[in-house]
Amino acid sequence: MDTGRDQASLWRVINDGLGRGGAGAPVADHGLLAEAFADYFDRKVADIRSATDGTPPPVFRDSPTSDRLSTSIPVTTDVVCTMVRVAADKYSMKDPMPTWLLKTCIDLIALYIASLFNLSLSSFLVPTSYKDAYVIPRLKKPMLPCGDLSSYRPISNLPFLSKLLE
């Protein structure tokens, strides 16, 4: 057993969980509070909405019937197994289990994931939990001031199954 590799994997998971990027460097100035980032990003969205309020809605043209997606091909357990196995081991704090653990038991639960995906695709509904993201502020450029909220952009880390369904 290669303990050096196991330790590296452990530290990678710990650093990801703590929101540390690349070489373990913090992603944001510790003097900035999460509430400040949330308020700043919320204000940016509100500003965009108010700037576009009152604009006419987009015009959609009807497409020919032959171009429409009238049926979807069901997701099979084989497809789910393959997609999970080839996926990177990245995961979200919103995931109930890390991706590496999902990979080890995918043969047992692929049927349930395929059923969930097929239900979602046939009903045109995405589970609410798939829309819930863990948002991490990241500096836009290394030379920007760390203490300024406008120097950051939000990175949304969605659950693994949400990305898989997509």
N, C-alpha and C. Protein backbone atom coordinates (compact mmCIF):
# COMPACT_ATOMS: atom_id res chain seq x y z
N MET A 1 0.85 -1.20 0.00
CA MET A 1 0.00 0.00 0.00
C MET A 1 0.88 1.25 0.00
N ASP A 2 0.60 2.18 -0.87
CA ASP A 2 1.37 3.40 -1.01
C ASP A 2 0.79 4.46 -0.08
N THR A 3 1.39 4.63 1.11
CA THR A 3 0.83 5.57 2.09
C THR A 3 1.05 7.02 1.66
N GLY A 4 2.12 7.28 0.89
CA GLY A 4 2.36 8.64 0.41
C GLY A 4 1.23 9.12 -0.49
N ARG A 5 0.77 8.24 -1.36
CA ARG A 5 -0.33 8.59 -2.26
C ARG A 5 -1.63 8.76 -1.49
N ASP A 6 -1.85 7.89 -0.50
CA ASP A 6 -3.06 8.01 0.32
C ASP A 6 -3.07 9.32 1.08
N GLN A 7 -1.91 9.74 1.60
CA GLN A 7 -1.83 11.00 2.34
C GLN A 7 -2.08 12.18 1.40
N ALA A 8 -1.54 12.11 0.19
CA ALA A 8 -1.76 13.19 -0.77
C ALA A 8 -3.24 13.31 -1.11
N SER A 9 -3.90 12.17 -1.29
CA SER A 9 -5.34 12.18 -1.58
C SER A 9 -6.12 12.75 -0.40
N LEU A 10 -5.72 12.37 0.81
CA LEU A 10 -6.39 12.89 2.00
C LEU A 10 -6.26 14.40 2.08
N TRP A 11 -5.05 14.93 1.85
CA TRP A 11 -4.86 16.37 1.92
C TRP A 11 -5.60 17.10 0.81
N ARG A 12 -5.70 16.46 -0.36
CA ARG A 12 -6.48 17.06 -1.45
C ARG A 12 -7.94 17.22 -1.04
N VAL A 13 -8.51 16.18 -0.41
CA VAL A 13 -9.90 16.23 0.05
C VAL A 13 -10.06 17.29 1.14
N ILE A 14 -9.11 17.34 2.07
CA ILE A 14 -9.17 18.33 3.16
C ILE A 14 -9.10 19.73 2.59
N ASN A 15 -8.15 19.99 1.68
CA ASN A 15 -8.01 21.32 1.09
C ASN A 15 -9.25 21.71 0.29
N ASP A 16 -9.82 20.75 -0.46
CA ASP A 16 -11.06 21.03 -1.19
C ASP A 16 -12.18 21.39 -0.23
N GLY A 17 -12.29 20.64 0.85
CA GLY A 17 -13.33 20.88 1.84
C GLY A 17 -13.20 22.22 2.53
N LEU A 18 -11.96 22.67 2.70
CA LEU A 18 -11.72 23.95 3.35
C LEU A 18 -11.73 25.12 2.37
N GLY A 19 -11.96 24.81 1.09
CA GLY A 19 -12.03 25.87 0.09
C GLY A 19 -10.68 26.44 -0.28
N ARG A 20 -9.64 25.64 -0.17
CA ARG A 20 -8.31 26.09 -0.55
C ARG A 20 -8.04 25.72 -1.99
N GLY A 21 -7.45 26.63 -2.72
CA GLY A 21 -7.16 26.35 -4.12
C GLY A 21 -5.73 25.86 -4.31
N GLY A 22 -5.43 25.49 -5.51
CA GLY A 22 -4.11 25.09 -5.98
C GLY A 22 -3.16 24.54 -4.94
N ALA A 23 -2.19 25.33 -4.53
CA ALA A 23 -1.14 24.88 -3.62
C ALA A 23 -1.54 25.09 -2.17
N GLY A 24 -2.80 25.05 -1.85
CA GLY A 24 -3.25 25.22 -0.47
C GLY A 24 -3.46 26.67 -0.08
N ALA A 25 -3.32 27.59 -1.03
CA ALA A 25 -3.51 29.00 -0.73
C ALA A 25 -4.98 29.30 -0.53
N PRO A 26 -5.30 30.14 0.44
CA PRO A 26 -6.71 30.49 0.65
C PRO A 26 -7.28 31.17 -0.59
N VAL A 27 -8.57 30.98 -0.82
CA VAL A 27 -9.20 31.57 -2.00
C VAL A 27 -9.66 32.99 -1.76
N ALA A 28 -9.79 33.39 -0.52
CA ALA A 28 -10.28 34.73 -0.23
C ALA A 28 -9.59 35.27 1.01
N ASP A 29 -9.60 36.58 1.15
CA ASP A 29 -9.06 37.24 2.32
C ASP A 29 -9.89 36.83 3.53
N HIS A 30 -9.22 36.33 4.56
CA HIS A 30 -9.94 35.87 5.74
C HIS A 30 -10.64 37.01 6.48
N GLY A 31 -10.24 38.26 6.19
CA GLY A 31 -10.90 39.40 6.82
C GLY A 31 -12.29 39.67 6.26
N LEU A 32 -12.58 39.10 5.10
CA LEU A 32 -13.89 39.29 4.50
C LEU A 32 -14.83 38.20 5.02
N LEU A 33 -16.03 38.60 5.35
CA LEU A 33 -17.01 37.66 5.89
C LEU A 33 -17.88 37.06 4.79
N ALA A 34 -18.35 35.85 5.03
CA ALA A 34 -19.22 35.18 4.07
C ALA A 34 -20.47 36.02 3.79
N GLU A 35 -20.98 36.67 4.82
CA GLU A 35 -22.18 37.50 4.64
C GLU A 35 -21.90 38.66 3.69
N ALA A 36 -20.68 39.21 3.76
CA ALA A 36 -20.31 40.32 2.88
C ALA A 36 -20.29 39.85 1.43
N PHE A 37 -19.72 38.66 1.19
CA PHE A 37 -19.72 38.12 -0.17
C PHE A 37 -21.13 37.85 -0.64
N ALA A 38 -21.96 37.25 0.21
CA ALA A 38 -23.34 36.93 -0.17
C ALA A 38 -24.09 38.21 -0.52
N ASP A 39 -23.95 39.24 0.30
CA ASP A 39 -24.63 40.52 0.03
C ASP A 39 -24.13 41.13 -1.28
N TYR A 40 -22.81 41.09 -1.49
CA TYR A 40 -22.23 41.68 -2.70
C TYR A 40 -22.73 40.97 -3.95
N PHE A 41 -22.69 39.63 -3.94
CA PHE A 41 -23.14 38.87 -5.11
C PHE A 41 -24.64 39.02 -5.32
N ASP A 42 -25.43 39.08 -4.24
CA ASP A 42 -26.87 39.31 -4.35
C ASP A 42 -27.15 40.67 -4.97
N ARG A 43 -26.39 41.69 -4.54
CA ARG A 43 -26.56 43.04 -5.09
C ARG A 43 -26.25 43.06 -6.59
N LYS A 44 -25.21 42.34 -7.01
CA LYS A 44 -24.86 42.29 -8.43
C LYS A 44 -26.02 41.72 -9.25
N VAL A 45 -26.64 40.65 -8.75
CA VAL A 45 -27.78 40.05 -9.45
C VAL A 45 -28.95 41.03 -9.46
N ALA A 46 -29.22 41.67 -8.33
CA ALA A 46 -30.32 42.63 -8.26
C ALA A 46 -30.09 43.80 -9.22
N ASP A 47 -28.84 44.26 -9.33
CA ASP A 47 -28.52 45.36 -10.25
C ASP A 47 -28.77 44.96 -11.70
N ILE A 48 -28.40 43.74 -12.05
CA ILE A 48 -28.63 43.26 -13.42
C ILE A 48 -30.12 43.16 -13.69
N ARG A 49 -30.86 42.63 -12.71
CA ARG A 49 -32.31 42.51 -12.90
C ARG A 49 -32.97 43.87 -13.06
N SER A 50 -32.56 44.84 -12.25
CA SER A 50 -33.18 46.17 -12.36
C SER A 50 -32.78 46.86 -13.66
N ALA A 51 -31.55 46.61 -14.13
CA ALA A 51 -31.10 47.22 -15.39
C ALA A 51 -31.85 46.65 -16.59
N THR A 52 -32.29 45.41 -16.48
CA THR A 52 -32.99 44.78 -17.61
C THR A 52 -34.50 44.76 -17.42
N ASP A 53 -34.97 45.29 -16.30
CA ASP A 53 -36.41 45.33 -16.05
C ASP A 53 -37.07 46.27 -17.05
N GLY A 54 -38.14 45.83 -17.64
CA GLY A 54 -38.85 46.66 -18.61
C GLY A 54 -38.41 46.44 -20.04
N THR A 55 -37.35 45.70 -20.24
CA THR A 55 -36.95 45.41 -21.61
C THR A 55 -37.90 44.38 -22.20
N PRO A 56 -38.12 44.44 -23.49
CA PRO A 56 -39.06 43.47 -24.08
C PRO A 56 -38.48 42.05 -23.99
N PRO A 57 -39.36 41.09 -23.83
CA PRO A 57 -38.88 39.70 -23.77
C PRO A 57 -38.33 39.27 -25.12
N PRO A 58 -37.47 38.27 -25.13
CA PRO A 58 -36.93 37.81 -26.42
C PRO A 58 -38.02 37.20 -27.29
N VAL A 59 -37.80 37.26 -28.57
CA VAL A 59 -38.75 36.70 -29.52
C VAL A 59 -38.22 35.33 -29.94
N PHE A 60 -39.06 34.31 -29.77
CA PHE A 60 -38.68 32.96 -30.16
C PHE A 60 -39.48 32.58 -31.40
N ARG A 61 -38.77 32.08 -32.35
CA ARG A 61 -39.44 31.62 -33.57
C ARG A 61 -39.71 30.13 -33.45
N ASP A 62 -40.82 29.70 -33.99
CA ASP A 62 -41.16 28.29 -33.94
C ASP A 62 -40.23 27.53 -34.87
N SER A 63 -39.71 26.43 -34.38
CA SER A 63 -38.81 25.62 -35.21
C SER A 63 -39.62 24.56 -35.95
N PRO A 64 -39.10 24.09 -37.07
CA PRO A 64 -39.80 23.04 -37.80
C PRO A 64 -39.98 21.80 -36.92
N THR A 65 -41.05 21.09 -37.12
CA THR A 65 -41.36 19.91 -36.33
C THR A 65 -40.23 18.89 -36.36
N SER A 66 -39.55 18.76 -37.48
CA SER A 66 -38.48 17.77 -37.59
C SER A 66 -37.29 18.10 -36.69
N ASP A 67 -37.15 19.38 -36.28
CA ASP A 67 -36.03 19.80 -35.44
C ASP A 67 -36.34 19.70 -33.95
N ARG A 68 -37.56 19.42 -33.60
CA ARG A 68 -37.95 19.39 -32.19
C ARG A 68 -37.55 18.08 -31.52
N LEU A 69 -37.25 18.20 -30.26
CA LEU A 69 -36.95 17.01 -29.46
C LEU A 69 -38.27 16.51 -28.90
N SER A 70 -38.80 15.49 -29.50
CA SER A 70 -40.11 15.00 -29.07
C SER A 70 -39.98 13.83 -28.10
N THR A 71 -38.91 13.11 -28.17
CA THR A 71 -38.68 12.02 -27.23
C THR A 71 -37.24 12.02 -26.80
N SER A 72 -37.00 11.46 -25.65
CA SER A 72 -35.62 11.34 -25.20
C SER A 72 -35.27 9.87 -25.09
N ILE A 73 -34.03 9.57 -25.26
CA ILE A 73 -33.55 8.20 -25.14
C ILE A 73 -33.35 7.93 -23.66
N PRO A 74 -33.94 6.86 -23.14
CA PRO A 74 -33.79 6.58 -21.70
C PRO A 74 -32.33 6.38 -21.30
N VAL A 75 -32.02 6.85 -20.11
CA VAL A 75 -30.69 6.66 -19.54
C VAL A 75 -30.63 5.24 -18.99
N THR A 76 -29.60 4.51 -19.36
CA THR A 76 -29.46 3.12 -18.90
C THR A 76 -28.47 3.05 -17.75
N THR A 77 -28.50 1.94 -17.03
CA THR A 77 -27.54 1.75 -15.93
C THR A 77 -26.12 1.68 -16.47
N ASP A 78 -25.95 1.12 -17.66
CA ASP A 78 -24.61 1.05 -18.27
C ASP A 78 -24.06 2.45 -18.52
N VAL A 79 -24.91 3.34 -19.01
CA VAL A 79 -24.48 4.71 -19.27
C VAL A 79 -24.11 5.39 -17.96
N VAL A 80 -24.92 5.22 -16.93
CA VAL A 80 -24.64 5.82 -15.62
C VAL A 80 -23.30 5.30 -15.09
N CYS A 81 -23.11 3.99 -15.13
CA CYS A 81 -21.86 3.39 -14.64
C CYS A 81 -20.65 3.95 -15.38
N THR A 82 -20.74 4.03 -16.69
CA THR A 82 -19.63 4.53 -17.50
C THR A 82 -19.35 5.99 -17.18
N MET A 83 -20.40 6.81 -17.11
CA MET A 83 -20.21 8.24 -16.84
C MET A 83 -19.58 8.47 -15.46
N VAL A 84 -20.02 7.71 -14.47
CA VAL A 84 -19.46 7.87 -13.12
C VAL A 84 -18.01 7.42 -13.10
N ARG A 85 -17.72 6.31 -13.73
CA ARG A 85 -16.35 5.77 -13.70
C ARG A 85 -15.33 6.69 -14.38
N VAL A 86 -15.73 7.36 -15.46
CA VAL A 86 -14.79 8.22 -16.17
C VAL A 86 -14.74 9.65 -15.63
N ALA A 87 -15.64 9.98 -14.72
CA ALA A 87 -15.69 11.33 -14.16
C ALA A 87 -14.50 11.57 -13.24
N ALA A 88 -14.11 12.83 -13.16
CA ALA A 88 -13.05 13.21 -12.23
C ALA A 88 -13.56 13.01 -10.80
N ASP A 89 -12.66 12.86 -9.86
CA ASP A 89 -13.04 12.62 -8.47
C ASP A 89 -13.42 13.90 -7.73
N LYS A 90 -13.73 14.96 -8.44
CA LYS A 90 -14.17 16.20 -7.80
C LYS A 90 -15.56 16.00 -7.23
N TYR A 91 -15.84 16.69 -6.14
CA TYR A 91 -17.16 16.61 -5.55
C TYR A 91 -17.49 17.93 -4.87
N SER A 92 -18.73 18.06 -4.48
CA SER A 92 -19.22 19.27 -3.83
C SER A 92 -19.50 19.00 -2.36
N MET A 93 -19.43 20.04 -1.58
CA MET A 93 -19.80 19.92 -0.16
C MET A 93 -21.28 19.55 -0.04
N LYS A 94 -22.04 19.73 -1.10
CA LYS A 94 -23.46 19.40 -1.12
C LYS A 94 -23.72 17.92 -1.41
N ASP A 95 -22.68 17.19 -1.82
CA ASP A 95 -22.84 15.77 -2.13
C ASP A 95 -22.95 14.95 -0.84
N PRO A 96 -23.83 13.95 -0.85
CA PRO A 96 -23.96 13.10 0.34
C PRO A 96 -22.75 12.18 0.54
N MET A 97 -21.98 11.94 -0.55
CA MET A 97 -20.76 11.12 -0.45
C MET A 97 -19.77 11.60 -1.49
N PRO A 98 -18.47 11.42 -1.21
CA PRO A 98 -17.48 11.82 -2.21
C PRO A 98 -17.59 10.97 -3.47
N THR A 99 -17.15 11.53 -4.58
CA THR A 99 -17.24 10.85 -5.87
C THR A 99 -16.47 9.53 -5.87
N TRP A 100 -15.31 9.50 -5.23
CA TRP A 100 -14.52 8.26 -5.22
C TRP A 100 -15.30 7.13 -4.55
N LEU A 101 -16.10 7.46 -3.53
CA LEU A 101 -16.90 6.44 -2.86
C LEU A 101 -18.07 6.01 -3.75
N LEU A 102 -18.68 6.96 -4.44
CA LEU A 102 -19.75 6.63 -5.39
C LEU A 102 -19.24 5.67 -6.46
N LYS A 103 -18.01 5.92 -6.93
CA LYS A 103 -17.42 5.05 -7.95
C LYS A 103 -17.28 3.61 -7.46
N THR A 104 -16.98 3.44 -6.17
CA THR A 104 -16.78 2.09 -5.66
C THR A 104 -18.08 1.30 -5.56
N CYS A 105 -19.22 1.98 -5.45
CA CYS A 105 -20.48 1.27 -5.29
C CYS A 105 -21.48 1.56 -6.41
N ILE A 106 -21.00 2.12 -7.53
CA ILE A 106 -21.91 2.51 -8.60
C ILE A 106 -22.70 1.34 -9.17
N ASP A 107 -22.11 0.14 -9.19
CA ASP A 107 -22.84 -1.02 -9.72
C ASP A 107 -24.09 -1.32 -8.90
N LEU A 108 -24.06 -0.98 -7.62
CA LEU A 108 -25.21 -1.26 -6.74
C LEU A 108 -26.31 -0.21 -6.87
N ILE A 109 -25.95 1.02 -7.17
CA ILE A 109 -26.96 2.10 -7.15
C ILE A 109 -27.23 2.73 -8.52
N ALA A 110 -26.57 2.24 -9.56
CA ALA A 110 -26.77 2.82 -10.91
C ALA A 110 -28.23 2.74 -11.35
N LEU A 111 -28.92 1.66 -11.01
CA LEU A 111 -30.32 1.51 -11.39
C LEU A 111 -31.16 2.65 -10.81
N TYR A 112 -30.90 3.03 -9.57
CA TYR A 112 -31.68 4.08 -8.91
C TYR A 112 -31.34 5.45 -9.50
N ILE A 113 -30.07 5.67 -9.80
CA ILE A 113 -29.67 6.94 -10.42
C ILE A 113 -30.27 7.05 -11.82
N ALA A 114 -30.23 5.97 -12.59
CA ALA A 114 -30.82 5.98 -13.94
C ALA A 114 -32.32 6.26 -13.86
N SER A 115 -33.00 5.65 -12.90
CA SER A 115 -34.44 5.89 -12.73
C SER A 115 -34.71 7.34 -12.39
N LEU A 116 -33.92 7.91 -11.50
CA LEU A 116 -34.07 9.31 -11.12
C LEU A 116 -33.84 10.22 -12.32
N PHE A 117 -32.79 9.94 -13.09
CA PHE A 117 -32.50 10.75 -14.27
C PHE A 117 -33.62 10.64 -15.30
N ASN A 118 -34.12 9.44 -15.54
CA ASN A 118 -35.20 9.26 -16.51
C ASN A 118 -36.47 9.98 -16.08
N LEU A 119 -36.78 9.92 -14.80
CA LEU A 119 -37.95 10.64 -14.29
C LEU A 119 -37.77 12.14 -14.46
N SER A 120 -36.60 12.63 -14.17
CA SER A 120 -36.31 14.05 -14.31
C SER A 120 -36.44 14.49 -15.77
N LEU A 121 -35.86 13.71 -16.68
CA LEU A 121 -35.91 14.07 -18.11
C LEU A 121 -37.32 13.97 -18.68
N SER A 122 -38.08 12.97 -18.26
CA SER A 122 -39.43 12.80 -18.81
C SER A 122 -40.43 13.82 -18.25
N SER A 123 -40.18 14.29 -17.04
CA SER A 123 -41.09 15.27 -16.43
C SER A 123 -40.62 16.71 -16.63
N PHE A 124 -39.42 16.88 -17.21
CA PHE A 124 -38.83 18.21 -17.41
C PHE A 124 -38.63 18.95 -16.09
N LEU A 125 -38.36 18.20 -15.04
CA LEU A 125 -38.12 18.78 -13.72
C LEU A 125 -36.76 18.32 -13.20
N VAL A 126 -36.04 19.25 -12.61
CA VAL A 126 -34.76 18.94 -11.99
C VAL A 126 -34.97 19.01 -10.48
N PRO A 127 -34.51 17.99 -9.75
CA PRO A 127 -34.68 18.03 -8.29
C PRO A 127 -34.11 19.31 -7.69
N THR A 128 -34.80 19.87 -6.72
CA THR A 128 -34.37 21.11 -6.09
C THR A 128 -32.97 20.99 -5.52
N SER A 129 -32.64 19.84 -4.95
CA SER A 129 -31.31 19.68 -4.35
C SER A 129 -30.21 19.76 -5.41
N TYR A 130 -30.53 19.51 -6.67
CA TYR A 130 -29.54 19.60 -7.74
C TYR A 130 -29.23 21.05 -8.10
N LYS A 131 -30.08 21.97 -7.67
CA LYS A 131 -29.90 23.39 -7.99
C LYS A 131 -29.18 24.13 -6.86
N ASP A 132 -28.95 23.45 -5.76
CA ASP A 132 -28.32 24.04 -4.59
C ASP A 132 -26.81 23.93 -4.72
N ALA A 133 -26.11 25.06 -4.71
CA ALA A 133 -24.67 25.06 -4.93
C ALA A 133 -23.92 25.59 -3.71
N TYR A 134 -22.70 25.15 -3.59
CA TYR A 134 -21.77 25.67 -2.60
C TYR A 134 -20.96 26.74 -3.33
N VAL A 135 -21.12 28.01 -2.96
CA VAL A 135 -20.51 29.11 -3.69
C VAL A 135 -19.21 29.53 -3.00
N ILE A 136 -18.13 29.57 -3.81
CA ILE A 136 -16.82 29.94 -3.30
C ILE A 136 -16.35 31.19 -4.03
N PRO A 137 -15.97 32.24 -3.31
CA PRO A 137 -15.43 33.42 -3.98
C PRO A 137 -13.98 33.17 -4.40
N ARG A 138 -13.64 33.49 -5.64
CA ARG A 138 -12.27 33.34 -6.15
C ARG A 138 -11.81 34.68 -6.72
N LEU A 139 -10.54 34.99 -6.49
CA LEU A 139 -9.98 36.20 -7.08
C LEU A 139 -10.06 36.12 -8.60
N LYS A 140 -10.47 37.22 -9.22
CA LYS A 140 -10.54 37.26 -10.68
C LYS A 140 -9.14 37.19 -11.27
N LYS A 141 -8.21 37.94 -10.69
CA LYS A 141 -6.81 37.97 -11.13
C LYS A 141 -5.93 38.10 -9.89
N PRO A 142 -4.76 37.46 -9.90
CA PRO A 142 -3.90 37.48 -8.70
C PRO A 142 -3.45 38.87 -8.28
N MET A 143 -3.37 39.81 -9.22
CA MET A 143 -2.86 41.13 -8.87
C MET A 143 -3.93 42.06 -8.29
N LEU A 144 -5.18 41.62 -8.23
CA LEU A 144 -6.26 42.46 -7.68
C LEU A 144 -6.19 42.47 -6.16
N PRO A 145 -6.66 43.56 -5.54
CA PRO A 145 -6.61 43.65 -4.07
C PRO A 145 -7.52 42.62 -3.40
N CYS A 146 -6.96 41.84 -2.48
CA CYS A 146 -7.71 40.78 -1.80
C CYS A 146 -8.81 41.32 -0.89
N GLY A 147 -8.67 42.53 -0.41
CA GLY A 147 -9.64 43.08 0.52
C GLY A 147 -10.85 43.72 -0.14
N ASP A 148 -10.90 43.74 -1.47
CA ASP A 148 -11.99 44.38 -2.21
C ASP A 148 -12.93 43.32 -2.76
N LEU A 149 -14.20 43.38 -2.38
CA LEU A 149 -15.18 42.38 -2.82
C LEU A 149 -15.30 42.31 -4.34
N SER A 150 -15.11 43.44 -5.02
CA SER A 150 -15.25 43.45 -6.48
C SER A 150 -14.10 42.72 -7.17
N SER A 151 -13.08 42.32 -6.41
CA SER A 151 -11.96 41.55 -6.98
C SER A 151 -12.30 40.08 -7.12
N TYR A 152 -13.47 39.67 -6.64
CA TYR A 152 -13.83 38.26 -6.62
C TYR A 152 -15.00 37.95 -7.56
N ARG A 153 -15.03 36.69 -7.98
CA ARG A 153 -16.16 36.18 -8.76
C ARG A 153 -16.67 34.93 -8.04
N PRO A 154 -17.96 34.68 -8.13
CA PRO A 154 -18.50 33.49 -7.45
C PRO A 154 -18.29 32.23 -8.30
N ILE A 155 -17.83 31.17 -7.67
CA ILE A 155 -17.72 29.86 -8.32
C ILE A 155 -18.75 28.97 -7.66
N SER A 156 -19.70 28.47 -8.43
CA SER A 156 -20.76 27.61 -7.90
C SER A 156 -20.36 26.15 -8.07
N ASN A 157 -20.25 25.46 -6.96
CA ASN A 157 -19.90 24.04 -6.96
C ASN A 157 -21.19 23.25 -6.77
N LEU A 158 -21.71 22.72 -7.87
CA LEU A 158 -22.96 21.97 -7.86
C LEU A 158 -22.72 20.52 -7.45
N PRO A 159 -23.76 19.84 -6.94
CA PRO A 159 -23.62 18.43 -6.60
C PRO A 159 -23.20 17.60 -7.83
N PHE A 160 -22.46 16.53 -7.59
CA PHE A 160 -21.94 15.67 -8.66
C PHE A 160 -23.06 15.13 -9.54
N LEU A 161 -24.15 14.62 -8.94
CA LEU A 161 -25.23 14.06 -9.74
C LEU A 161 -25.92 15.12 -10.60
N SER A 162 -25.93 16.35 -10.13
CA SER A 162 -26.49 17.45 -10.92
C SER A 162 -25.68 17.63 -12.21
N LYS A 163 -24.36 17.62 -12.08
CA LYS A 163 -23.50 17.75 -13.25
C LYS A 163 -23.61 16.53 -14.16
N LEU A 164 -23.78 15.36 -13.55
CA LEU A 164 -23.92 14.13 -14.32
C LEU A 164 -25.23 14.17 -15.14
N LEU A 165 -26.31 14.61 -14.53
CA LEU A 165 -27.59 14.72 -15.23
C LEU A 165 -27.48 15.72 -16.39
N GLU A 166 -26.79 16.79 -16.14
CA GLU A 166 -26.61 17.81 -17.17
C GLU A 166 -25.89 17.23 -18.36
